All heavy atoms as atom14 arrays in JSON, in Angstrom:
{
  "sequence": "SLYENVNGILELVQFNSYDLKNKEVIEISEDLFDTSIELSKFAGV",
  "atom14_mask": [
    [1, 1, 1, 1, 1, 1, 0, 0, 0, 0, 0, 0, 0, 0],
    [1, 1, 1, 1, 1, 1, 1, 1, 0, 0, 0, 0, 0, 0],
    [1, 1, 1, 1, 1, 1, 1, 1, 1, 1, 1, 1, 0, 0],
    [1, 1, 1, 1, 1, 1, 1, 1, 1, 0, 0, 0, 0, 0],
    [1, 1, 1, 1, 1, 1, 1, 1, 0, 0, 0, 0, 0, 0],
    [1, 1, 1, 1, 1, 1, 1, 0, 0, 0, 0, 0, 0, 0],
    [1, 1, 1, 1, 1, 1, 1, 1, 0, 0, 0, 0, 0, 0],
    [1, 1, 1, 1, 0, 0, 0, 0, 0, 0, 0, 0, 0, 0],
    [1, 1, 1, 1, 1, 1, 1, 1, 0, 0, 0, 0, 0, 0],
    [1, 1, 1, 1, 1, 1, 1, 1, 0, 0, 0, 0, 0, 0],
    [1, 1, 1, 1, 1, 1, 1, 1, 1, 0, 0, 0, 0, 0],
    [1, 1, 1, 1, 1, 1, 1, 1, 0, 0, 0, 0, 0, 0],
    [1, 1, 1, 1, 1, 1, 1, 0, 0, 0, 0, 0, 0, 0],
    [1, 1, 1, 1, 1, 1, 1, 1, 1, 0, 0, 0, 0, 0],
    [1, 1, 1, 1, 1, 1, 1, 1, 1, 1, 1, 0, 0, 0],
    [1, 1, 1, 1, 1, 1, 1, 1, 0, 0, 0, 0, 0, 0],
    [1, 1, 1, 1, 1, 1, 0, 0, 0, 0, 0, 0, 0, 0],
    [1, 1, 1, 1, 1, 1, 1, 1, 1, 1, 1, 1, 0, 0],
    [1, 1, 1, 1, 1, 1, 1, 1, 0, 0, 0, 0, 0, 0],
    [1, 1, 1, 1, 1, 1, 1, 1, 0, 0, 0, 0, 0, 0],
    [1, 1, 1, 1, 1, 1, 1, 1, 1, 0, 0, 0, 0, 0],
    [1, 1, 1, 1, 1, 1, 1, 1, 0, 0, 0, 0, 0, 0],
    [1, 1, 1, 1, 1, 1, 1, 1, 1, 0, 0, 0, 0, 0],
    [1, 1, 1, 1, 1, 1, 1, 1, 1, 0, 0, 0, 0, 0],
    [1, 1, 1, 1, 1, 1, 1, 0, 0, 0, 0, 0, 0, 0],
    [1, 1, 1, 1, 1, 1, 1, 1, 0, 0, 0, 0, 0, 0],
    [1, 1, 1, 1, 1, 1, 1, 1, 1, 0, 0, 0, 0, 0],
    [1, 1, 1, 1, 1, 1, 1, 1, 0, 0, 0, 0, 0, 0],
    [1, 1, 1, 1, 1, 1, 0, 0, 0, 0, 0, 0, 0, 0],
    [1, 1, 1, 1, 1, 1, 1, 1, 1, 0, 0, 0, 0, 0],
    [1, 1, 1, 1, 1, 1, 1, 1, 0, 0, 0, 0, 0, 0],
    [1, 1, 1, 1, 1, 1, 1, 1, 0, 0, 0, 0, 0, 0],
    [1, 1, 1, 1, 1, 1, 1, 1, 1, 1, 1, 0, 0, 0],
    [1, 1, 1, 1, 1, 1, 1, 1, 0, 0, 0, 0, 0, 0],
    [1, 1, 1, 1, 1, 1, 1, 0, 0, 0, 0, 0, 0, 0],
    [1, 1, 1, 1, 1, 1, 0, 0, 0, 0, 0, 0, 0, 0],
    [1, 1, 1, 1, 1, 1, 1, 1, 0, 0, 0, 0, 0, 0],
    [1, 1, 1, 1, 1, 1, 1, 1, 1, 0, 0, 0, 0, 0],
    [1, 1, 1, 1, 1, 1, 1, 1, 0, 0, 0, 0, 0, 0],
    [1, 1, 1, 1, 1, 1, 0, 0, 0, 0, 0, 0, 0, 0],
    [1, 1, 1, 1, 1, 1, 1, 1, 1, 0, 0, 0, 0, 0],
    [1, 1, 1, 1, 1, 1, 1, 1, 1, 1, 1, 0, 0, 0],
    [1, 1, 1, 1, 1, 0, 0, 0, 0, 0, 0, 0, 0, 0],
    [1, 1, 1, 1, 0, 0, 0, 0, 0, 0, 0, 0, 0, 0],
    [1, 1, 1, 1, 1, 1, 1, 0, 0, 0, 0, 0, 0, 0]
  ],
  "atom14_positions": [
    [[-11.03, -30.86, 154.48], [-12.04, -31.48, 153.69], [-12.0, -32.98, 153.75], [-13.02, -33.66, 153.89], [-11.92, -31.05, 152.2], [-12.83, -31.63, 151.34], [0.0, 0.0, 0.0], [0.0, 0.0, 0.0], [0.0, 0.0, 0.0], [0.0, 0.0, 0.0], [0.0, 0.0, 0.0], [0.0, 0.0, 0.0], [0.0, 0.0, 0.0], [0.0, 0.0, 0.0]],
    [[-10.76, -33.53, 153.75], [-10.59, -35.03, 153.83], [-11.05, -35.52, 155.17], [-11.7, -36.56, 155.33], [-9.16, -35.44, 153.55], [-8.66, -35.23, 152.09], [-7.23, -35.43, 152.02], [-9.39, -36.11, 151.16], [0.0, 0.0, 0.0], [0.0, 0.0, 0.0], [0.0, 0.0, 0.0], [0.0, 0.0, 0.0], [0.0, 0.0, 0.0], [0.0, 0.0, 0.0]],
    [[-10.68, -34.73, 156.21], [-11.05, -35.05, 157.66], [-12.55, -35.12, 157.8], [-13.16, -35.98, 158.39], [-10.45, -34.04, 158.54], [-10.65, -34.27, 160.01], [-9.9, -35.2, 160.73], [-11.54, -33.52, 160.73], [-10.08, -35.47, 162.09], [-11.81, -33.72, 162.06], [-10.96, -34.68, 162.76], [-11.2, -34.88, 164.05], [0.0, 0.0, 0.0], [0.0, 0.0, 0.0]],
    [[-13.24, -34.11, 157.19], [-14.73, -34.03, 157.35], [-15.3, -35.24, 156.56], [-16.3, -35.79, 157.01], [-15.21, -32.75, 156.77], [-14.95, -31.55, 157.68], [-15.31, -30.21, 157.05], [-15.64, -30.16, 155.89], [-15.35, -29.2, 157.77], [0.0, 0.0, 0.0], [0.0, 0.0, 0.0], [0.0, 0.0, 0.0], [0.0, 0.0, 0.0], [0.0, 0.0, 0.0]],
    [[-14.81, -35.53, 155.39], [-15.35, -36.59, 154.6], [-15.23, -37.9, 155.3], [-16.13, -38.81, 155.25], [-14.71, -36.67, 153.19], [-15.14, -35.56, 152.34], [-16.13, -34.89, 152.56], [-14.44, -35.42, 151.19], [0.0, 0.0, 0.0], [0.0, 0.0, 0.0], [0.0, 0.0, 0.0], [0.0, 0.0, 0.0], [0.0, 0.0, 0.0], [0.0, 0.0, 0.0]],
    [[-14.07, -38.16, 155.98], [-13.92, -39.51, 156.62], [-14.91, -39.45, 157.88], [-15.61, -40.52, 158.09], [-12.46, -39.55, 157.18], [-12.36, -40.75, 158.19], [-11.54, -39.76, 156.01], [0.0, 0.0, 0.0], [0.0, 0.0, 0.0], [0.0, 0.0, 0.0], [0.0, 0.0, 0.0], [0.0, 0.0, 0.0], [0.0, 0.0, 0.0], [0.0, 0.0, 0.0]],
    [[-14.99, -38.36, 158.61], [-15.9, -38.37, 159.78], [-17.33, -38.41, 159.36], [-18.22, -38.95, 160.2], [-15.64, -37.08, 160.64], [-14.4, -37.3, 161.48], [-14.03, -38.38, 161.89], [-13.73, -36.14, 161.76], [0.0, 0.0, 0.0], [0.0, 0.0, 0.0], [0.0, 0.0, 0.0], [0.0, 0.0, 0.0], [0.0, 0.0, 0.0], [0.0, 0.0, 0.0]],
    [[-17.68, -37.93, 158.21], [-19.0, -37.85, 157.72], [-19.42, -38.95, 156.77], [-20.37, -38.78, 156.01], [0.0, 0.0, 0.0], [0.0, 0.0, 0.0], [0.0, 0.0, 0.0], [0.0, 0.0, 0.0], [0.0, 0.0, 0.0], [0.0, 0.0, 0.0], [0.0, 0.0, 0.0], [0.0, 0.0, 0.0], [0.0, 0.0, 0.0], [0.0, 0.0, 0.0]],
    [[-18.63, -40.01, 156.75], [-18.87, -41.0, 155.72], [-20.22, -41.69, 155.8], [-20.81, -42.04, 154.78], [-17.74, -42.17, 155.86], [-17.79, -43.08, 154.61], [-17.81, -42.97, 157.11], [-17.34, -42.44, 153.33], [0.0, 0.0, 0.0], [0.0, 0.0, 0.0], [0.0, 0.0, 0.0], [0.0, 0.0, 0.0], [0.0, 0.0, 0.0], [0.0, 0.0, 0.0]],
    [[-20.76, -41.81, 157.0], [-22.1, -42.43, 157.27], [-23.2, -41.57, 156.57], [-24.01, -42.01, 155.91], [-22.43, -42.63, 158.7], [-21.49, -43.63, 159.42], [-21.94, -43.75, 160.85], [-21.67, -45.02, 158.72], [0.0, 0.0, 0.0], [0.0, 0.0, 0.0], [0.0, 0.0, 0.0], [0.0, 0.0, 0.0], [0.0, 0.0, 0.0], [0.0, 0.0, 0.0]],
    [[-23.03, -40.17, 156.76], [-23.98, -39.27, 156.15], [-23.88, -39.29, 154.61], [-24.91, -39.24, 153.9], [-23.76, -37.84, 156.7], [-24.22, -37.61, 158.05], [-23.45, -38.24, 159.13], [-22.28, -38.69, 158.8], [-23.89, -38.37, 160.29], [0.0, 0.0, 0.0], [0.0, 0.0, 0.0], [0.0, 0.0, 0.0], [0.0, 0.0, 0.0], [0.0, 0.0, 0.0]],
    [[-22.67, -39.41, 154.1], [-22.51, -39.38, 152.63], [-23.05, -40.73, 152.05], [-23.61, -40.72, 150.89], [-20.93, -39.47, 152.33], [-20.23, -38.12, 152.69], [-18.75, -38.19, 152.3], [-20.81, -36.93, 151.97], [0.0, 0.0, 0.0], [0.0, 0.0, 0.0], [0.0, 0.0, 0.0], [0.0, 0.0, 0.0], [0.0, 0.0, 0.0], [0.0, 0.0, 0.0]],
    [[-22.97, -41.79, 152.78], [-23.61, -43.07, 152.29], [-25.08, -42.96, 152.37], [-25.87, -43.35, 151.44], [-23.08, -44.28, 153.2], [-23.91, -45.49, 152.87], [-21.58, -44.56, 153.01], [0.0, 0.0, 0.0], [0.0, 0.0, 0.0], [0.0, 0.0, 0.0], [0.0, 0.0, 0.0], [0.0, 0.0, 0.0], [0.0, 0.0, 0.0], [0.0, 0.0, 0.0]],
    [[-25.58, -42.49, 153.52], [-27.03, -42.36, 153.77], [-27.7, -41.52, 152.65], [-28.81, -41.88, 152.17], [-27.31, -41.81, 155.11], [-28.73, -41.62, 155.42], [-28.91, -40.93, 156.8], [-28.07, -40.7, 157.51], [-30.23, -40.63, 157.15], [0.0, 0.0, 0.0], [0.0, 0.0, 0.0], [0.0, 0.0, 0.0], [0.0, 0.0, 0.0], [0.0, 0.0, 0.0]],
    [[-27.09, -40.39, 152.31], [-27.76, -39.47, 151.43], [-27.23, -39.51, 150.0], [-27.51, -38.69, 149.15], [-27.69, -38.03, 151.96], [-28.37, -37.91, 153.24], [-27.69, -37.66, 154.43], [-29.75, -37.94, 153.35], [-28.39, -37.49, 155.61], [-30.41, -37.75, 154.6], [-29.7, -37.64, 155.68], [0.0, 0.0, 0.0], [0.0, 0.0, 0.0], [0.0, 0.0, 0.0]],
    [[-26.27, -40.48, 149.74], [-25.69, -40.67, 148.5], [-25.1, -39.44, 147.92], [-25.32, -38.93, 146.81], [-26.78, -41.2, 147.44], [-26.14, -41.78, 146.26], [-24.94, -42.18, 146.23], [-26.9, -41.85, 145.15], [0.0, 0.0, 0.0], [0.0, 0.0, 0.0], [0.0, 0.0, 0.0], [0.0, 0.0, 0.0], [0.0, 0.0, 0.0], [0.0, 0.0, 0.0]],
    [[-24.28, -38.7, 148.73], [-23.68, -37.44, 148.4], [-22.25, -37.48, 148.09], [-21.45, -36.52, 148.25], [-23.95, -36.47, 149.63], [-25.29, -36.29, 149.87], [0.0, 0.0, 0.0], [0.0, 0.0, 0.0], [0.0, 0.0, 0.0], [0.0, 0.0, 0.0], [0.0, 0.0, 0.0], [0.0, 0.0, 0.0], [0.0, 0.0, 0.0], [0.0, 0.0, 0.0]],
    [[-21.74, -38.65, 147.57], [-20.35, -38.83, 147.25], [-19.95, -37.8, 146.18], [-18.89, -37.14, 146.35], [-20.12, -40.24, 146.67], [-20.14, -41.29, 147.73], [-21.03, -42.34, 147.64], [-19.17, -41.34, 148.77], [-21.07, -43.36, 148.61], [-19.22, -42.32, 149.65], [-20.12, -43.39, 149.58], [-20.09, -44.38, 150.47], [0.0, 0.0, 0.0], [0.0, 0.0, 0.0]],
    [[-20.76, -37.63, 145.14], [-20.35, -36.78, 144.04], [-20.12, -35.27, 144.47], [-19.11, -34.72, 144.01], [-21.43, -36.75, 142.98], [-21.5, -38.2, 142.26], [-20.58, -38.92, 142.35], [-22.61, -38.48, 141.67], [0.0, 0.0, 0.0], [0.0, 0.0, 0.0], [0.0, 0.0, 0.0], [0.0, 0.0, 0.0], [0.0, 0.0, 0.0], [0.0, 0.0, 0.0]],
    [[-20.95, -34.84, 145.35], [-20.85, -33.43, 145.81], [-19.55, -33.22, 146.56], [-18.75, -32.31, 146.29], [-22.0, -33.15, 146.77], [-22.03, -31.72, 147.38], [-22.13, -30.59, 146.32], [-23.08, -31.61, 148.45], [0.0, 0.0, 0.0], [0.0, 0.0, 0.0], [0.0, 0.0, 0.0], [0.0, 0.0, 0.0], [0.0, 0.0, 0.0], [0.0, 0.0, 0.0]],
    [[-19.23, -34.1, 147.56], [-18.03, -34.01, 148.3], [-16.78, -34.41, 147.55], [-15.7, -33.76, 147.69], [-18.07, -34.89, 149.56], [-19.06, -34.32, 150.64], [-18.49, -33.0, 151.13], [-19.45, -32.37, 152.18], [-18.99, -31.04, 152.64], [0.0, 0.0, 0.0], [0.0, 0.0, 0.0], [0.0, 0.0, 0.0], [0.0, 0.0, 0.0], [0.0, 0.0, 0.0]],
    [[-16.92, -35.33, 146.64], [-15.79, -35.7, 145.75], [-15.35, -34.49, 144.87], [-14.21, -34.23, 144.72], [-16.2, -36.91, 144.95], [-15.03, -37.44, 144.12], [-13.91, -37.63, 144.75], [-15.16, -37.75, 142.88], [0.0, 0.0, 0.0], [0.0, 0.0, 0.0], [0.0, 0.0, 0.0], [0.0, 0.0, 0.0], [0.0, 0.0, 0.0], [0.0, 0.0, 0.0]],
    [[-16.4, -33.78, 144.4], [-16.16, -32.63, 143.52], [-15.4, -31.55, 144.32], [-14.49, -30.94, 143.84], [-17.49, -32.12, 143.02], [-17.3, -30.87, 142.11], [-18.67, -30.34, 141.64], [-18.51, -29.12, 140.72], [-19.82, -28.63, 140.34], [0.0, 0.0, 0.0], [0.0, 0.0, 0.0], [0.0, 0.0, 0.0], [0.0, 0.0, 0.0], [0.0, 0.0, 0.0]],
    [[-15.84, -31.36, 145.62], [-15.16, -30.44, 146.5], [-13.66, -30.77, 146.67], [-12.8, -29.89, 146.56], [-15.92, -30.42, 147.84], [-15.24, -29.46, 148.87], [-15.87, -29.62, 150.25], [-17.02, -29.21, 150.41], [-15.22, -30.12, 151.15], [0.0, 0.0, 0.0], [0.0, 0.0, 0.0], [0.0, 0.0, 0.0], [0.0, 0.0, 0.0], [0.0, 0.0, 0.0]],
    [[-13.37, -32.03, 146.95], [-12.04, -32.45, 147.16], [-11.2, -32.24, 145.92], [-10.05, -31.8, 145.92], [-11.96, -33.92, 147.57], [-10.54, -34.47, 147.65], [-12.59, -34.06, 149.0], [0.0, 0.0, 0.0], [0.0, 0.0, 0.0], [0.0, 0.0, 0.0], [0.0, 0.0, 0.0], [0.0, 0.0, 0.0], [0.0, 0.0, 0.0], [0.0, 0.0, 0.0]],
    [[-11.8, -32.6, 144.74], [-11.08, -32.47, 143.46], [-10.75, -31.0, 143.24], [-9.65, -30.62, 142.8], [-11.93, -33.03, 142.3], [-12.01, -34.59, 142.46], [-11.39, -32.6, 140.91], [-12.91, -35.29, 141.49], [0.0, 0.0, 0.0], [0.0, 0.0, 0.0], [0.0, 0.0, 0.0], [0.0, 0.0, 0.0], [0.0, 0.0, 0.0], [0.0, 0.0, 0.0]],
    [[-11.7, -30.11, 143.47], [-11.52, -28.65, 143.15], [-10.37, -28.17, 144.1], [-9.54, -27.36, 143.69], [-12.81, -27.88, 143.54], [-13.93, -28.13, 142.43], [-15.17, -27.37, 142.77], [-15.34, -26.92, 143.94], [-16.15, -27.37, 141.94], [0.0, 0.0, 0.0], [0.0, 0.0, 0.0], [0.0, 0.0, 0.0], [0.0, 0.0, 0.0], [0.0, 0.0, 0.0]],
    [[-10.4, -28.53, 145.42], [-9.26, -28.07, 146.25], [-7.99, -28.65, 145.83], [-6.96, -27.97, 145.86], [-9.62, -28.52, 147.74], [-10.97, -27.81, 148.31], [-8.54, -28.19, 148.7], [-11.43, -28.38, 149.61], [0.0, 0.0, 0.0], [0.0, 0.0, 0.0], [0.0, 0.0, 0.0], [0.0, 0.0, 0.0], [0.0, 0.0, 0.0], [0.0, 0.0, 0.0]],
    [[-8.03, -29.89, 145.41], [-6.73, -30.57, 145.01], [-6.19, -29.87, 143.72], [-4.92, -29.65, 143.6], [-6.97, -32.05, 144.7], [-7.44, -32.73, 145.86], [0.0, 0.0, 0.0], [0.0, 0.0, 0.0], [0.0, 0.0, 0.0], [0.0, 0.0, 0.0], [0.0, 0.0, 0.0], [0.0, 0.0, 0.0], [0.0, 0.0, 0.0], [0.0, 0.0, 0.0]],
    [[-7.05, -29.57, 142.76], [-6.64, -28.91, 141.61], [-6.04, -27.48, 141.87], [-5.06, -27.12, 141.25], [-7.76, -28.81, 140.6], [-8.14, -30.2, 139.96], [-9.33, -30.1, 139.0], [-10.05, -29.04, 139.09], [-9.58, -31.1, 138.24], [0.0, 0.0, 0.0], [0.0, 0.0, 0.0], [0.0, 0.0, 0.0], [0.0, 0.0, 0.0], [0.0, 0.0, 0.0]],
    [[-6.76, -26.82, 142.82], [-6.2, -25.48, 143.2], [-4.88, -25.62, 143.82], [-3.99, -24.73, 143.59], [-7.26, -24.93, 144.26], [-7.06, -23.48, 144.42], [-6.51, -22.78, 143.56], [-7.47, -22.97, 145.54], [0.0, 0.0, 0.0], [0.0, 0.0, 0.0], [0.0, 0.0, 0.0], [0.0, 0.0, 0.0], [0.0, 0.0, 0.0], [0.0, 0.0, 0.0]],
    [[-4.66, -26.61, 144.67], [-3.38, -26.89, 145.29], [-2.33, -27.22, 144.29], [-1.17, -26.82, 144.33], [-3.44, -27.99, 146.32], [-2.18, -28.4, 147.01], [-1.55, -27.33, 147.77], [-2.48, -29.59, 148.0], [0.0, 0.0, 0.0], [0.0, 0.0, 0.0], [0.0, 0.0, 0.0], [0.0, 0.0, 0.0], [0.0, 0.0, 0.0], [0.0, 0.0, 0.0]],
    [[-2.77, -28.04, 143.24], [-1.86, -28.44, 142.2], [-1.37, -27.22, 141.36], [-0.14, -27.16, 141.06], [-2.54, -29.5, 141.29], [-1.78, -29.9, 140.11], [-0.73, -30.81, 140.21], [-2.08, -29.39, 138.81], [-0.04, -31.2, 139.05], [-1.32, -29.8, 137.74], [-0.27, -30.69, 137.89], [0.0, 0.0, 0.0], [0.0, 0.0, 0.0], [0.0, 0.0, 0.0]],
    [[-2.28, -26.26, 141.06], [-1.88, -25.16, 140.32], [-0.82, -24.37, 141.14], [0.15, -23.76, 140.53], [-3.16, -24.21, 140.18], [-4.13, -24.85, 139.19], [-3.74, -25.73, 138.44], [-5.32, -24.42, 139.21], [0.0, 0.0, 0.0], [0.0, 0.0, 0.0], [0.0, 0.0, 0.0], [0.0, 0.0, 0.0], [0.0, 0.0, 0.0], [0.0, 0.0, 0.0]],
    [[-0.97, -24.2, 142.47], [0.04, -23.57, 143.23], [1.35, -24.18, 143.29], [2.5, -23.6, 143.1], [-0.43, -23.38, 144.73], [-1.75, -22.78, 144.73], [0.49, -22.53, 145.51], [0.0, 0.0, 0.0], [0.0, 0.0, 0.0], [0.0, 0.0, 0.0], [0.0, 0.0, 0.0], [0.0, 0.0, 0.0], [0.0, 0.0, 0.0], [0.0, 0.0, 0.0]],
    [[1.3, -25.58, 143.29], [2.55, -26.39, 143.31], [3.31, -26.23, 141.9], [4.46, -26.14, 141.87], [2.24, -27.85, 143.57], [1.66, -28.04, 144.78], [0.0, 0.0, 0.0], [0.0, 0.0, 0.0], [0.0, 0.0, 0.0], [0.0, 0.0, 0.0], [0.0, 0.0, 0.0], [0.0, 0.0, 0.0], [0.0, 0.0, 0.0], [0.0, 0.0, 0.0]],
    [[2.48, -26.14, 140.83], [3.06, -25.97, 139.53], [3.73, -24.64, 139.43], [4.86, -24.46, 138.87], [1.98, -26.07, 138.44], [1.48, -27.55, 138.25], [2.38, -25.53, 137.05], [2.58, -28.46, 137.69], [0.0, 0.0, 0.0], [0.0, 0.0, 0.0], [0.0, 0.0, 0.0], [0.0, 0.0, 0.0], [0.0, 0.0, 0.0], [0.0, 0.0, 0.0]],
    [[3.1, -23.55, 140.04], [3.71, -22.26, 140.08], [5.0, -22.27, 140.76], [6.04, -21.61, 140.27], [2.72, -21.28, 140.73], [3.05, -19.89, 140.46], [2.0, -18.92, 140.91], [0.92, -19.3, 141.27], [2.22, -17.69, 140.87], [0.0, 0.0, 0.0], [0.0, 0.0, 0.0], [0.0, 0.0, 0.0], [0.0, 0.0, 0.0], [0.0, 0.0, 0.0]],
    [[5.08, -22.98, 141.87], [6.35, -23.07, 142.64], [7.4, -23.83, 141.8], [8.59, -23.43, 141.81], [6.14, -23.82, 143.93], [5.74, -23.01, 145.12], [5.4, -23.9, 146.32], [6.8, -21.99, 145.52], [0.0, 0.0, 0.0], [0.0, 0.0, 0.0], [0.0, 0.0, 0.0], [0.0, 0.0, 0.0], [0.0, 0.0, 0.0], [0.0, 0.0, 0.0]],
    [[6.97, -24.91, 141.04], [7.92, -25.65, 140.23], [8.46, -24.76, 139.09], [9.66, -24.98, 138.74], [7.15, -26.89, 139.67], [6.73, -27.74, 140.68], [0.0, 0.0, 0.0], [0.0, 0.0, 0.0], [0.0, 0.0, 0.0], [0.0, 0.0, 0.0], [0.0, 0.0, 0.0], [0.0, 0.0, 0.0], [0.0, 0.0, 0.0], [0.0, 0.0, 0.0]],
    [[7.63, -23.91, 138.6], [8.05, -23.01, 137.54], [9.22, -22.16, 138.07], [10.26, -21.95, 137.29], [6.96, -22.2, 136.98], [5.86, -22.93, 136.06], [4.87, -22.01, 135.71], [3.81, -22.77, 134.79], [2.65, -21.95, 134.38], [0.0, 0.0, 0.0], [0.0, 0.0, 0.0], [0.0, 0.0, 0.0], [0.0, 0.0, 0.0], [0.0, 0.0, 0.0]],
    [[9.08, -21.68, 139.23], [10.12, -20.79, 139.75], [11.48, -21.66, 139.99], [12.52, -21.16, 139.95], [9.74, -20.17, 141.03], [8.9, -18.91, 140.86], [7.49, -18.92, 141.07], [9.41, -17.74, 140.43], [6.67, -17.74, 140.85], [8.7, -16.62, 140.17], [7.3, -16.62, 140.38], [0.0, 0.0, 0.0], [0.0, 0.0, 0.0], [0.0, 0.0, 0.0]],
    [[11.23, -22.86, 140.45], [12.4, -23.85, 140.63], [13.14, -23.93, 139.3], [14.38, -24.0, 139.23], [11.97, -25.07, 141.19], [0.0, 0.0, 0.0], [0.0, 0.0, 0.0], [0.0, 0.0, 0.0], [0.0, 0.0, 0.0], [0.0, 0.0, 0.0], [0.0, 0.0, 0.0], [0.0, 0.0, 0.0], [0.0, 0.0, 0.0], [0.0, 0.0, 0.0]],
    [[12.32, -24.05, 138.21], [12.95, -24.23, 136.94], [13.71, -23.03, 136.47], [14.77, -23.03, 135.9], [0.0, 0.0, 0.0], [0.0, 0.0, 0.0], [0.0, 0.0, 0.0], [0.0, 0.0, 0.0], [0.0, 0.0, 0.0], [0.0, 0.0, 0.0], [0.0, 0.0, 0.0], [0.0, 0.0, 0.0], [0.0, 0.0, 0.0], [0.0, 0.0, 0.0]],
    [[13.06, -21.82, 136.8], [13.76, -20.54, 136.44], [15.01, -20.4, 137.24], [16.05, -19.98, 136.66], [12.76, -19.35, 136.84], [13.54, -18.03, 136.69], [11.53, -19.35, 135.87], [0.0, 0.0, 0.0], [0.0, 0.0, 0.0], [0.0, 0.0, 0.0], [0.0, 0.0, 0.0], [0.0, 0.0, 0.0], [0.0, 0.0, 0.0], [0.0, 0.0, 0.0]]
  ]
}
């Protein structure tokens, strides 16, 4: 997702689509964060 956003920065500027792609990155990051938290819980256990 980050790779595509960097390569497609001109298109994002042209069509003012930052919010759409930013939302996508945030959703993926939060999903990854949830998994990391789950791993951390097992480390605590």
